[in-house]
Amino acid sequence: MESRELKPRPAQKQMIAAVAKTLGAIRADEKGQRLGESHLVAVEAGTGTGKTIAYLLASLPIAKRHGLKLVVSTATVALQEQLIDKDLPEVSKACGFEFSLYPS
């Protein structure tokens, strides 16, 4: 992530913690059906605050650990391109995460 000179910020760390806490609280039965109530976290912050990197750093390790697919949805093509062309490759390189963008 040095390529964009990203530096961790307290608010970004709070976002990572909030997303990880929410995802970590989800429980499922032996068939994979969710148990309990719904889990929701909303993060609102201005452009350039590191939201994308924060939620990727929180969700990718959890999905990988549990052998789950992670679906990331965006509102714009520009953000989709940012995810595919910049954010995901940088997170993979910086953190050693291996994943497929398009599962077979």
PDB file of N, CA and C in Angstrom:
ATOM      1  N   MET A   1       0.822  -1.180   0.000  1.00  0.00           N
ATOM      2  CA  MET A   1       0.000   0.000   0.000  1.00  0.00           C
ATOM      3  C   MET A   1       0.867   1.244   0.000  1.00  0.00           C
ATOM      4  N   GLU A   2       2.176   1.013  -0.011  1.00  0.00           N
ATOM      5  CA  GLU A   2       3.089   2.140  -0.045  1.00  0.00           C
ATOM      6  C   GLU A   2       2.992   2.901  -1.364  1.00  0.00           C
ATOM      7  N   SER A   3       2.502   2.256  -2.419  1.00  0.00           N
ATOM      8  CA  SER A   3       2.440   2.907  -3.718  1.00  0.00           C
ATOM      9  C   SER A   3       1.574   4.157  -3.692  1.00  0.00           C
ATOM     10  N   ARG A   4       0.568   4.178  -2.817  1.00  0.00           N
ATOM     11  CA  ARG A   4      -0.269   5.374  -2.683  1.00  0.00           C
ATOM     12  C   ARG A   4       0.029   6.096  -1.372  1.00  0.00           C
ATOM     13  N   GLU A   5       1.104   5.659  -0.705  1.00  0.00           N
ATOM     14  CA  GLU A   5       1.525   6.256   0.549  1.00  0.00           C
ATOM     15  C   GLU A   5       0.382   6.298   1.564  1.00  0.00           C
ATOM     16  N   LEU A   6      -0.353   5.211   1.652  1.00  0.00           N
ATOM     17  CA  LEU A   6      -1.444   5.134   2.618  1.00  0.00           C
ATOM     18  C   LEU A   6      -0.878   4.929   4.009  1.00  0.00           C
ATOM     19  N   LYS A   7      -1.429   5.651   4.939  1.00  0.00           N
ATOM     20  CA  LYS A   7      -1.015   5.511   6.327  1.00  0.00           C
ATOM     21  C   LYS A   7      -2.256   5.239   7.157  1.00  0.00           C
ATOM     22  N   PRO A   8      -2.155   4.313   8.122  1.00  0.00           N
ATOM     23  CA  PRO A   8      -3.318   4.028   8.961  1.00  0.00           C
ATOM     24  C   PRO A   8      -3.719   5.264   9.767  1.00  0.00           C
ATOM     25  N   ARG A   9      -5.001   5.445   9.870  1.00  0.00           N
ATOM     26  CA  ARG A   9      -5.551   6.559  10.648  1.00  0.00           C
ATOM     27  C   ARG A   9      -6.482   5.993  11.705  1.00  0.00           C
ATOM     28  N   PRO A  10      -6.654   6.694  12.822  1.00  0.00           N
ATOM     29  CA  PRO A  10      -7.541   6.191  13.883  1.00  0.00           C
ATOM     30  C   PRO A  10      -8.946   5.872  13.383  1.00  0.00           C
ATOM     31  N   ALA A  11      -9.527   6.734  12.555  1.00  0.00           N
ATOM     32  CA  ALA A  11     -10.885   6.487  12.057  1.00  0.00           C
ATOM     33  C   ALA A  11     -10.923   5.237  11.181  1.00  0.00           C
ATOM     34  N   GLN A  12      -9.873   5.007  10.423  1.00  0.00           N
ATOM     35  CA  GLN A  12      -9.805   3.818   9.575  1.00  0.00           C
ATOM     36  C   GLN A  12      -9.722   2.561  10.443  1.00  0.00           C
ATOM     37  N   LYS A  13      -8.949   2.634  11.513  1.00  0.00           N
ATOM     38  CA  LYS A  13      -8.853   1.500  12.432  1.00  0.00           C
ATOM     39  C   LYS A  13     -10.204   1.228  13.092  1.00  0.00           C
ATOM     40  N   GLN A  14     -10.956   2.275  13.382  1.00  0.00           N
ATOM     41  CA  GLN A  14     -12.301   2.106  13.952  1.00  0.00           C
ATOM     42  C   GLN A  14     -13.227   1.429  12.950  1.00  0.00           C
ATOM     43  N   MET A  15     -13.106   1.789  11.667  1.00  0.00           N
ATOM     44  CA  MET A  15     -13.918   1.149  10.637  1.00  0.00           C
ATOM     45  C   MET A  15     -13.581  -0.333  10.535  1.00  0.00           C
ATOM     46  N   ILE A  16     -12.295  -0.659  10.536  1.00  0.00           N
ATOM     47  CA  ILE A  16     -11.872  -2.062  10.459  1.00  0.00           C
ATOM     48  C   ILE A  16     -12.452  -2.831  11.631  1.00  0.00           C
ATOM     49  N   ALA A  17     -12.348  -2.256  12.823  1.00  0.00           N
ATOM     50  CA  ALA A  17     -12.851  -2.933  14.025  1.00  0.00           C
ATOM     51  C   ALA A  17     -14.360  -3.128  13.970  1.00  0.00           C
ATOM     52  N   ALA A  18     -15.097  -2.119  13.501  1.00  0.00           N
ATOM     53  CA  ALA A  18     -16.565  -2.211  13.446  1.00  0.00           C
ATOM     54  C   ALA A  18     -17.010  -3.293  12.466  1.00  0.00           C
ATOM     55  N   VAL A  19     -16.389  -3.340  11.309  1.00  0.00           N
ATOM     56  CA  VAL A  19     -16.749  -4.347  10.303  1.00  0.00           C
ATOM     57  C   VAL A  19     -16.366  -5.740  10.797  1.00  0.00           C
ATOM     58  N   ALA A  20     -15.168  -5.884  11.339  1.00  0.00           N
ATOM     59  CA  ALA A  20     -14.719  -7.195  11.826  1.00  0.00           C
ATOM     60  C   ALA A  20     -15.596  -7.682  12.977  1.00  0.00           C
ATOM     61  N   LYS A  21     -15.954  -6.780  13.876  1.00  0.00           N
ATOM     62  CA  LYS A  21     -16.812  -7.154  15.007  1.00  0.00           C
ATOM     63  C   LYS A  21     -18.171  -7.645  14.512  1.00  0.00           C
ATOM     64  N   THR A  22     -18.734  -6.951  13.552  1.00  0.00           N
ATOM     65  CA  THR A  22     -20.039  -7.333  13.007  1.00  0.00           C
ATOM     66  C   THR A  22     -19.961  -8.677  12.302  1.00  0.00           C
ATOM     67  N   LEU A  23     -18.967  -8.847  11.441  1.00  0.00           N
ATOM     68  CA  LEU A  23     -18.829 -10.111  10.718  1.00  0.00           C
ATOM     69  C   LEU A  23     -18.497 -11.260  11.666  1.00  0.00           C
ATOM     70  N   GLY A  24     -17.691 -10.982  12.669  1.00  0.00           N
ATOM     71  CA  GLY A  24     -17.316 -12.012  13.617  1.00  0.00           C
ATOM     72  C   GLY A  24     -18.461 -12.482  14.499  1.00  0.00           C
ATOM     73  N   ALA A  25     -19.501 -11.671  14.622  1.00  0.00           N
ATOM     74  CA  ALA A  25     -20.651 -12.022  15.456  1.00  0.00           C
ATOM     75  C   ALA A  25     -21.655 -12.917  14.732  1.00  0.00           C
ATOM     76  N   ILE A  26     -21.490 -13.092  13.437  1.00  0.00           N
ATOM     77  CA  ILE A  26     -22.429 -13.914  12.668  1.00  0.00           C
ATOM     78  C   ILE A  26     -22.162 -15.387  12.982  1.00  0.00           C
ATOM     79  N   ARG A  27     -23.223 -16.091  13.317  1.00  0.00           N
ATOM     80  CA  ARG A  27     -23.124 -17.521  13.623  1.00  0.00           C
ATOM     81  C   ARG A  27     -24.012 -18.296  12.660  1.00  0.00           C
ATOM     82  N   ALA A  28     -23.609 -19.519  12.387  1.00  0.00           N
ATOM     83  CA  ALA A  28     -24.379 -20.362  11.472  1.00  0.00           C
ATOM     84  C   ALA A  28     -24.469 -21.767  12.038  1.00  0.00           C
ATOM     85  N   ASP A  29     -25.509 -22.481  11.611  1.00  0.00           N
ATOM     86  CA  ASP A  29     -25.663 -23.872  12.028  1.00  0.00           C
ATOM     87  C   ASP A  29     -24.811 -24.768  11.123  1.00  0.00           C
ATOM     88  N   GLU A  30     -24.912 -26.071  11.315  1.00  0.00           N
ATOM     89  CA  GLU A  30     -24.088 -27.012  10.554  1.00  0.00           C
ATOM     90  C   GLU A  30     -24.395 -27.012   9.057  1.00  0.00           C
ATOM     91  N   LYS A  31     -25.549 -26.484   8.673  1.00  0.00           N
ATOM     92  CA  LYS A  31     -25.911 -26.391   7.257  1.00  0.00           C
ATOM     93  C   LYS A  31     -25.539 -25.041   6.651  1.00  0.00           C
ATOM     94  N   GLY A  32     -24.962 -24.173   7.471  1.00  0.00           N
ATOM     95  CA  GLY A  32     -24.561 -22.861   6.984  1.00  0.00           C
ATOM     96  C   GLY A  32     -25.648 -21.809   7.064  1.00  0.00           C
ATOM     97  N   GLN A  33     -26.767 -22.128   7.674  1.00  0.00           N
ATOM     98  CA  GLN A  33     -27.849 -21.160   7.824  1.00  0.00           C
ATOM     99  C   GLN A  33     -27.536 -20.228   8.991  1.00  0.00           C
ATOM    100  N   ARG A  34     -27.725 -18.937   8.766  1.00  0.00           N
ATOM    101  CA  ARG A  34     -27.447 -17.970   9.825  1.00  0.00           C
ATOM    102  C   ARG A  34     -28.364 -18.164  11.018  1.00  0.00           C
ATOM    103  N   LEU A  35     -27.795 -17.979  12.182  1.00  0.00           N
ATOM    104  CA  LEU A  35     -28.537 -18.080  13.422  1.00  0.00           C
ATOM    105  C   LEU A  35     -28.686 -16.684  14.035  1.00  0.00           C
ATOM    106  N   GLY A  36     -29.764 -16.488  14.760  1.00  0.00           N
ATOM    107  CA  GLY A  36     -29.940 -15.219  15.467  1.00  0.00           C
ATOM    108  C   GLY A  36     -30.416 -14.102  14.580  1.00  0.00           C
ATOM    109  N   GLU A  37     -30.230 -12.916  15.086  1.00  0.00           N
ATOM    110  CA  GLU A  37     -30.731 -11.734  14.379  1.00  0.00           C
ATOM    111  C   GLU A  37     -29.775 -11.284  13.278  1.00  0.00           C
ATOM    112  N   SER A  38     -30.233 -10.364  12.460  1.00  0.00           N
ATOM    113  CA  SER A  38     -29.416  -9.831  11.369  1.00  0.00           C
ATOM    114  C   SER A  38     -28.260  -9.010  11.928  1.00  0.00           C
ATOM    115  N   HIS A  39     -27.211  -8.942  11.160  1.00  0.00           N
ATOM    116  CA  HIS A  39     -26.035  -8.170  11.546  1.00  0.00           C
ATOM    117  C   HIS A  39     -25.811  -7.082  10.510  1.00  0.00           C
ATOM    118  N   LEU A  40     -25.647  -5.877  10.979  1.00  0.00           N
ATOM    119  CA  LEU A  40     -25.530  -4.734  10.084  1.00  0.00           C
ATOM    120  C   LEU A  40     -24.537  -3.739  10.664  1.00  0.00           C
ATOM    121  N   VAL A  41     -23.713  -3.209   9.800  1.00  0.00           N
ATOM    122  CA  VAL A  41     -22.832  -2.114  10.188  1.00  0.00           C
ATOM    123  C   VAL A  41     -22.860  -1.103   9.049  1.00  0.00           C
ATOM    124  N   ALA A  42     -22.947   0.162   9.391  1.00  0.00           N
ATOM    125  CA  ALA A  42     -22.938   1.233   8.394  1.00  0.00           C
ATOM    126  C   ALA A  42     -21.743   2.135   8.677  1.00  0.00           C
ATOM    127  N   VAL A  43     -20.986   2.421   7.636  1.00  0.00           N
ATOM    128  CA  VAL A  43     -19.821   3.281   7.771  1.00  0.00           C
ATOM    129  C   VAL A  43     -20.003   4.441   6.806  1.00  0.00           C
ATOM    130  N   GLU A  44     -19.922   5.625   7.348  1.00  0.00           N
ATOM    131  CA  GLU A  44     -20.028   6.820   6.508  1.00  0.00           C
ATOM    132  C   GLU A  44     -18.813   7.690   6.754  1.00  0.00           C
ATOM    133  N   ALA A  45     -18.149   8.058   5.679  1.00  0.00           N
ATOM    134  CA  ALA A  45     -16.975   8.915   5.786  1.00  0.00           C
ATOM    135  C   ALA A  45     -16.747   9.558   4.426  1.00  0.00           C
ATOM    136  N   GLY A  46     -16.017  10.622   4.414  1.00  0.00           N
ATOM    137  CA  GLY A  46     -15.762  11.364   3.186  1.00  0.00           C
ATOM    138  C   GLY A  46     -14.864  10.618   2.218  1.00  0.00           C
ATOM    139  N   THR A  47     -14.789  11.138   1.012  1.00  0.00           N
ATOM    140  CA  THR A  47     -13.935  10.567  -0.025  1.00  0.00           C
ATOM    141  C   THR A  47     -12.477  10.614   0.419  1.00  0.00           C
ATOM    142  N   GLY A  48     -11.769   9.515   0.174  1.00  0.00           N
ATOM    143  CA  GLY A  48     -10.347   9.481   0.468  1.00  0.00           C
ATOM    144  C   GLY A  48      -9.997   9.156   1.912  1.00  0.00           C
ATOM    145  N   THR A  49     -10.962   8.678   2.680  1.00  0.00           N
ATOM    146  CA  THR A  49     -10.685   8.384   4.085  1.00  0.00           C
ATOM    147  C   THR A  49     -10.217   6.955   4.318  1.00  0.00           C
ATOM    148  N   GLY A  50     -10.259   6.134   3.304  1.00  0.00           N
ATOM    149  CA  GLY A  50      -9.776   4.765   3.438  1.00  0.00           C
ATOM    150  C   GLY A  50     -10.842   3.740   3.745  1.00  0.00           C
ATOM    151  N   LYS A  51     -12.086   4.047   3.410  1.00  0.00           N
ATOM    152  CA  LYS A  51     -13.185   3.104   3.682  1.00  0.00           C
ATOM    153  C   LYS A  51     -12.971   1.779   2.959  1.00  0.00           C
ATOM    154  N   THR A  52     -12.610   1.834   1.709  1.00  0.00           N
ATOM    155  CA  THR A  52     -12.465   0.615   0.922  1.00  0.00           C
ATOM    156  C   THR A  52     -11.385  -0.281   1.516  1.00  0.00           C
ATOM    157  N   ILE A  53     -10.237   0.282   1.803  1.00  0.00           N
ATOM    158  CA  ILE A  53      -9.150  -0.498   2.389  1.00  0.00           C
ATOM    159  C   ILE A  53      -9.584  -1.029   3.755  1.00  0.00           C
ATOM    160  N   ALA A  54     -10.283  -0.224   4.523  1.00  0.00           N
ATOM    161  CA  ALA A  54     -10.725  -0.649   5.860  1.00  0.00           C
ATOM    162  C   ALA A  54     -11.655  -1.855   5.780  1.00  0.00           C
ATOM    163  N   TYR A  55     -12.664  -1.798   4.921  1.00  0.00           N
ATOM    164  CA  TYR A  55     -13.575  -2.949   4.908  1.00  0.00           C
ATOM    165  C   TYR A  55     -12.948  -4.172   4.255  1.00  0.00           C
ATOM    166  N   LEU A  56     -12.014  -3.981   3.343  1.00  0.00           N
ATOM    167  CA  LEU A  56     -11.314  -5.136   2.780  1.00  0.00           C
ATOM    168  C   LEU A  56     -10.422  -5.802   3.828  1.00  0.00           C
ATOM    169  N   LEU A  57      -9.711  -4.992   4.605  1.00  0.00           N
ATOM    170  CA  LEU A  57      -8.831  -5.547   5.630  1.00  0.00           C
ATOM    171  C   LEU A  57      -9.613  -6.256   6.727  1.00  0.00           C
ATOM    172  N   ALA A  58     -10.847  -5.843   6.947  1.00  0.00           N
ATOM    173  CA  ALA A  58     -11.675  -6.502   7.954  1.00  0.00           C
ATOM    174  C   ALA A  58     -12.330  -7.762   7.410  1.00  0.00           C
ATOM    175  N   SER A  59     -12.807  -7.715   6.183  1.00  0.00           N
ATOM    176  CA  SER A  59     -13.635  -8.811   5.678  1.00  0.00           C
ATOM    177  C   SER A  59     -12.869  -9.926   4.962  1.00  0.00           C
ATOM    178  N   LEU A  60     -11.815  -9.615   4.267  1.00  0.00           N
ATOM    179  CA  LEU A  60     -11.081 -10.654   3.534  1.00  0.00           C
ATOM    180  C   LEU A  60     -10.525 -11.764   4.440  1.00  0.00           C
ATOM    181  N   PRO A  61      -9.862 -11.429   5.545  1.00  0.00           N
ATOM    182  CA  PRO A  61      -9.343 -12.514   6.395  1.00  0.00           C
ATOM    183  C   PRO A  61     -10.449 -13.391   6.990  1.00  0.00           C
ATOM    184  N   ILE A  62     -11.569 -12.785   7.340  1.00  0.00           N
ATOM    185  CA  ILE A  62     -12.681 -13.552   7.913  1.00  0.00           C
ATOM    186  C   ILE A  62     -13.263 -14.490   6.864  1.00  0.00           C
ATOM    187  N   ALA A  63     -13.495 -13.978   5.667  1.00  0.00           N
ATOM    188  CA  ALA A  63     -14.036 -14.820   4.596  1.00  0.00           C
ATOM    189  C   ALA A  63     -13.072 -15.956   4.269  1.00  0.00           C
ATOM    190  N   LYS A  64     -11.795 -15.636   4.176  1.00  0.00           N
ATOM    191  CA  LYS A  64     -10.800 -16.651   3.852  1.00  0.00           C
ATOM    192  C   LYS A  64     -10.723 -17.705   4.950  1.00  0.00           C
ATOM    193  N   ARG A  65     -10.741 -17.290   6.191  1.00  0.00           N
ATOM    194  CA  ARG A  65     -10.645 -18.232   7.314  1.00  0.00           C
ATOM    195  C   ARG A  65     -11.801 -19.227   7.324  1.00  0.00           C
ATOM    196  N   HIS A  66     -12.979 -18.745   6.961  1.00  0.00           N
ATOM    197  CA  HIS A  66     -14.165 -19.597   7.000  1.00  0.00           C
ATOM    198  C   HIS A  66     -14.480 -20.239   5.649  1.00  0.00           C
ATOM    199  N   GLY A  67     -13.619 -20.005   4.651  1.00  0.00           N
ATOM    200  CA  GLY A  67     -13.827 -20.598   3.335  1.00  0.00           C
ATOM    201  C   GLY A  67     -15.064 -20.062   2.633  1.00  0.00           C
ATOM    202  N   LEU A  68     -15.351 -18.784   2.857  1.00  0.00           N
ATOM    203  CA  LEU A  68     -16.558 -18.178   2.285  1.00  0.00           C
ATOM    204  C   LEU A  68     -16.213 -17.251   1.129  1.00  0.00           C
ATOM    205  N   LYS A  69     -17.185 -17.042   0.274  1.00  0.00           N
ATOM    206  CA  LYS A  69     -17.043 -16.058  -0.790  1.00  0.00           C
ATOM    207  C   LYS A  69     -17.408 -14.692  -0.224  1.00  0.00           C
ATOM    208  N   LEU A  70     -16.719 -13.671  -0.681  1.00  0.00           N
ATOM    209  CA  LEU A  70     -17.001 -12.300  -0.279  1.00  0.00           C
ATOM    210  C   LEU A  70     -17.494 -11.544  -1.502  1.00  0.00           C
ATOM    211  N   VAL A  71     -18.655 -10.967  -1.391  1.00  0.00           N
ATOM    212  CA  VAL A  71     -19.218 -10.167  -2.471  1.00  0.00           C
ATOM    213  C   VAL A  71     -19.089  -8.705  -2.083  1.00  0.00           C
ATOM    214  N   VAL A  72     -18.458  -7.925  -2.948  1.00  0.00           N
ATOM    215  CA  VAL A  72     -18.307  -6.492  -2.722  1.00  0.00           C
ATOM    216  C   VAL A  72     -19.108  -5.775  -3.787  1.00  0.00           C
ATOM    217  N   SER A  73     -20.047  -4.965  -3.358  1.00  0.00           N
ATOM    218  CA  SER A  73     -20.911  -4.243  -4.282  1.00  0.00           C
ATOM    219  C   SER A  73     -20.605  -2.755  -4.206  1.00  0.00           C
ATOM    220  N   THR A  74     -20.605  -2.104  -5.360  1.00  0.00           N
ATOM    221  CA  THR A  74     -20.347  -0.659  -5.401  1.00  0.00           C
ATOM    222  C   THR A  74     -21.472   0.040  -6.157  1.00  0.00           C
ATOM    223  N   ALA A  75     -21.539   1.341  -5.965  1.00  0.00           N
ATOM    224  CA  ALA A  75     -22.585   2.131  -6.606  1.00  0.00           C
ATOM    225  C   ALA A  75     -22.155   2.661  -7.967  1.00  0.00           C
ATOM    226  N   THR A  76     -20.857   2.671  -8.221  1.00  0.00           N
ATOM    227  CA  THR A  76     -20.388   3.267  -9.470  1.00  0.00           C
ATOM    228  C   THR A  76     -19.361   2.376 -10.157  1.00  0.00           C
ATOM    229  N   VAL A  77     -19.253   2.524 -11.460  1.00  0.00           N
ATOM    230  CA  VAL A  77     -18.236   1.808 -12.229  1.00  0.00           C
ATOM    231  C   VAL A  77     -16.852   2.284 -11.809  1.00  0.00           C
ATOM    232  N   ALA A  78     -16.715   3.565 -11.515  1.00  0.00           N
ATOM    233  CA  ALA A  78     -15.418   4.094 -11.102  1.00  0.00           C
ATOM    234  C   ALA A  78     -14.915   3.404  -9.836  1.00  0.00           C
ATOM    235  N   LEU A  79     -15.788   3.178  -8.879  1.00  0.00           N
ATOM    236  CA  LEU A  79     -15.376   2.491  -7.656  1.00  0.00           C
ATOM    237  C   LEU A  79     -15.095   1.014  -7.930  1.00  0.00           C
ATOM    238  N   GLN A  80     -15.845   0.400  -8.830  1.00  0.00           N
ATOM    239  CA  GLN A  80     -15.556  -0.983  -9.207  1.00  0.00           C
ATOM    240  C   GLN A  80     -14.156  -1.078  -9.794  1.00  0.00           C
ATOM    241  N   GLU A  81     -13.829  -0.146 -10.660  1.00  0.00           N
ATOM    242  CA  GLU A  81     -12.497  -0.144 -11.279  1.00  0.00           C
ATOM    243  C   GLU A  81     -11.414   0.098 -10.237  1.00  0.00           C
ATOM    244  N   GLN A  82     -11.677   0.982  -9.282  1.00  0.00           N
ATOM    245  CA  GLN A  82     -10.722   1.239  -8.210  1.00  0.00           C
ATOM    246  C   GLN A  82     -10.474  -0.036  -7.407  1.00  0.00           C
ATOM    247  N   LEU A  83     -11.549  -0.755  -7.090  1.00  0.00           N
ATOM    248  CA  LEU A  83     -11.417  -2.006  -6.337  1.00  0.00           C
ATOM    249  C   LEU A  83     -10.582  -3.031  -7.096  1.00  0.00           C
ATOM    250  N   ILE A  84     -10.927  -3.253  -8.352  1.00  0.00           N
ATOM    251  CA  ILE A  84     -10.282  -4.300  -9.144  1.00  0.00           C
ATOM    252  C   ILE A  84      -8.858  -3.925  -9.546  1.00  0.00           C
ATOM    253  N   ASP A  85      -8.663  -2.681  -9.946  1.00  0.00           N
ATOM    254  CA  ASP A  85      -7.370  -2.274 -10.488  1.00  0.00           C
ATOM    255  C   ASP A  85      -6.369  -1.800  -9.437  1.00  0.00           C
ATOM    256  N   LYS A  86      -6.857  -1.288  -8.304  1.00  0.00           N
ATOM    257  CA  LYS A  86      -5.936  -0.705  -7.321  1.00  0.00           C
ATOM    258  C   LYS A  86      -6.044  -1.365  -5.953  1.00  0.00           C
ATOM    259  N   ASP A  87      -7.217  -1.265  -5.329  1.00  0.00           N
ATOM    260  CA  ASP A  87      -7.351  -1.647  -3.927  1.00  0.00           C
ATOM    261  C   ASP A  87      -7.095  -3.131  -3.681  1.00  0.00           C
ATOM    262  N   LEU A  88      -7.757  -4.005  -4.403  1.00  0.00           N
ATOM    263  CA  LEU A  88      -7.576  -5.441  -4.182  1.00  0.00           C
ATOM    264  C   LEU A  88      -6.139  -5.897  -4.461  1.00  0.00           C
ATOM    265  N   PRO A  89      -5.522  -5.480  -5.564  1.00  0.00           N
ATOM    266  CA  PRO A  89      -4.120  -5.880  -5.767  1.00  0.00           C
ATOM    267  C   PRO A  89      -3.180  -5.329  -4.688  1.00  0.00           C
ATOM    268  N   GLU A  90      -3.418  -4.105  -4.224  1.00  0.00           N
ATOM    269  CA  GLU A  90      -2.552  -3.532  -3.196  1.00  0.00           C
ATOM    270  C   GLU A  90      -2.723  -4.238  -1.856  1.00  0.00           C
ATOM    271  N   VAL A  91      -3.970  -4.568  -1.503  1.00  0.00           N
ATOM    272  CA  VAL A  91      -4.209  -5.297  -0.258  1.00  0.00           C
ATOM    273  C   VAL A  91      -3.565  -6.682  -0.349  1.00  0.00           C
ATOM    274  N   SER A  92      -3.717  -7.333  -1.476  1.00  0.00           N
ATOM    275  CA  SER A  92      -3.128  -8.656  -1.666  1.00  0.00           C
ATOM    276  C   SER A  92      -1.612  -8.609  -1.523  1.00  0.00           C
ATOM    277  N   LYS A  93      -0.994  -7.640  -2.166  1.00  0.00           N
ATOM    278  CA  LYS A  93       0.461  -7.523  -2.131  1.00  0.00           C
ATOM    279  C   LYS A  93       0.960  -7.142  -0.739  1.00  0.00           C
ATOM    280  N   ALA A  94       0.330  -6.173  -0.126  1.00  0.00           N
ATOM    281  CA  ALA A  94       0.800  -5.672   1.168  1.00  0.00           C
ATOM    282  C   ALA A  94       0.568  -6.651   2.307  1.00  0.00           C
ATOM    283  N   CYS A  95      -0.507  -7.407   2.234  1.00  0.00           N
ATOM    284  CA  CYS A  95      -0.875  -8.285   3.351  1.00  0.00           C
ATOM    285  C   CYS A  95      -0.660  -9.755   3.069  1.00  0.00           C
ATOM    286  N   GLY A  96      -0.302 -10.095   1.847  1.00  0.00           N
ATOM    287  CA  GLY A  96      -0.067 -11.497   1.517  1.00  0.00           C
ATOM    288  C   GLY A  96      -1.335 -12.294   1.322  1.00  0.00           C
ATOM    289  N   PHE A  97      -2.471 -11.637   1.143  1.00  0.00           N
ATOM    290  CA  PHE A  97      -3.723 -12.341   0.889  1.00  0.00           C
ATOM    291  C   PHE A  97      -3.730 -12.862  -0.535  1.00  0.00           C
ATOM    292  N   GLU A  98      -4.114 -14.100  -0.691  1.00  0.00           N
ATOM    293  CA  GLU A  98      -4.308 -14.663  -2.026  1.00  0.00           C
ATOM    294  C   GLU A  98      -5.783 -14.921  -2.202  1.00  0.00           C
ATOM    295  N   PHE A  99      -6.336 -14.428  -3.287  1.00  0.00           N
ATOM    296  CA  PHE A  99      -7.758 -14.629  -3.552  1.00  0.00           C
ATOM    297  C   PHE A  99      -8.003 -14.460  -5.037  1.00  0.00           C
ATOM    298  N   SER A 100      -9.141 -14.946  -5.470  1.00  0.00           N
ATOM    299  CA  SER A 100      -9.542 -14.846  -6.861  1.00  0.00           C
ATOM    300  C   SER A 100     -10.631 -13.785  -6.983  1.00  0.00           C
ATOM    301  N   LEU A 101     -10.497 -12.929  -7.960  1.00  0.00           N
ATOM    302  CA  LEU A 101     -11.534 -11.915  -8.176  1.00  0.00           C
ATOM    303  C   LEU A 101     -12.789 -12.521  -8.767  1.00  0.00           C
ATOM    304  N   TYR A 102     -12.609 -13.547  -9.573  1.00  0.00           N
ATOM    305  CA  TYR A 102     -13.737 -14.165 -10.254  1.00  0.00           C
ATOM    306  C   TYR A 102     -13.663 -15.664 -10.038  1.00  0.00           C
ATOM    307  N   PRO A 103     -14.374 -16.183  -9.042  1.00  0.00           N
ATOM    308  CA  PRO A 103     -14.281 -17.615  -8.765  1.00  0.00           C
ATOM    309  C   PRO A 103     -14.740 -18.461  -9.950  1.00  0.00           C
ATOM    310  N   SER A 104     -14.098 -19.609 -10.077  1.00  0.00           N
ATOM    311  CA  SER A 104     -14.459 -20.503 -11.184  1.00  0.00           C
ATOM    312  C   SER A 104     -15.640 -21.346 -10.834  1.00  0.00           C
TER     313      SER A 104
END
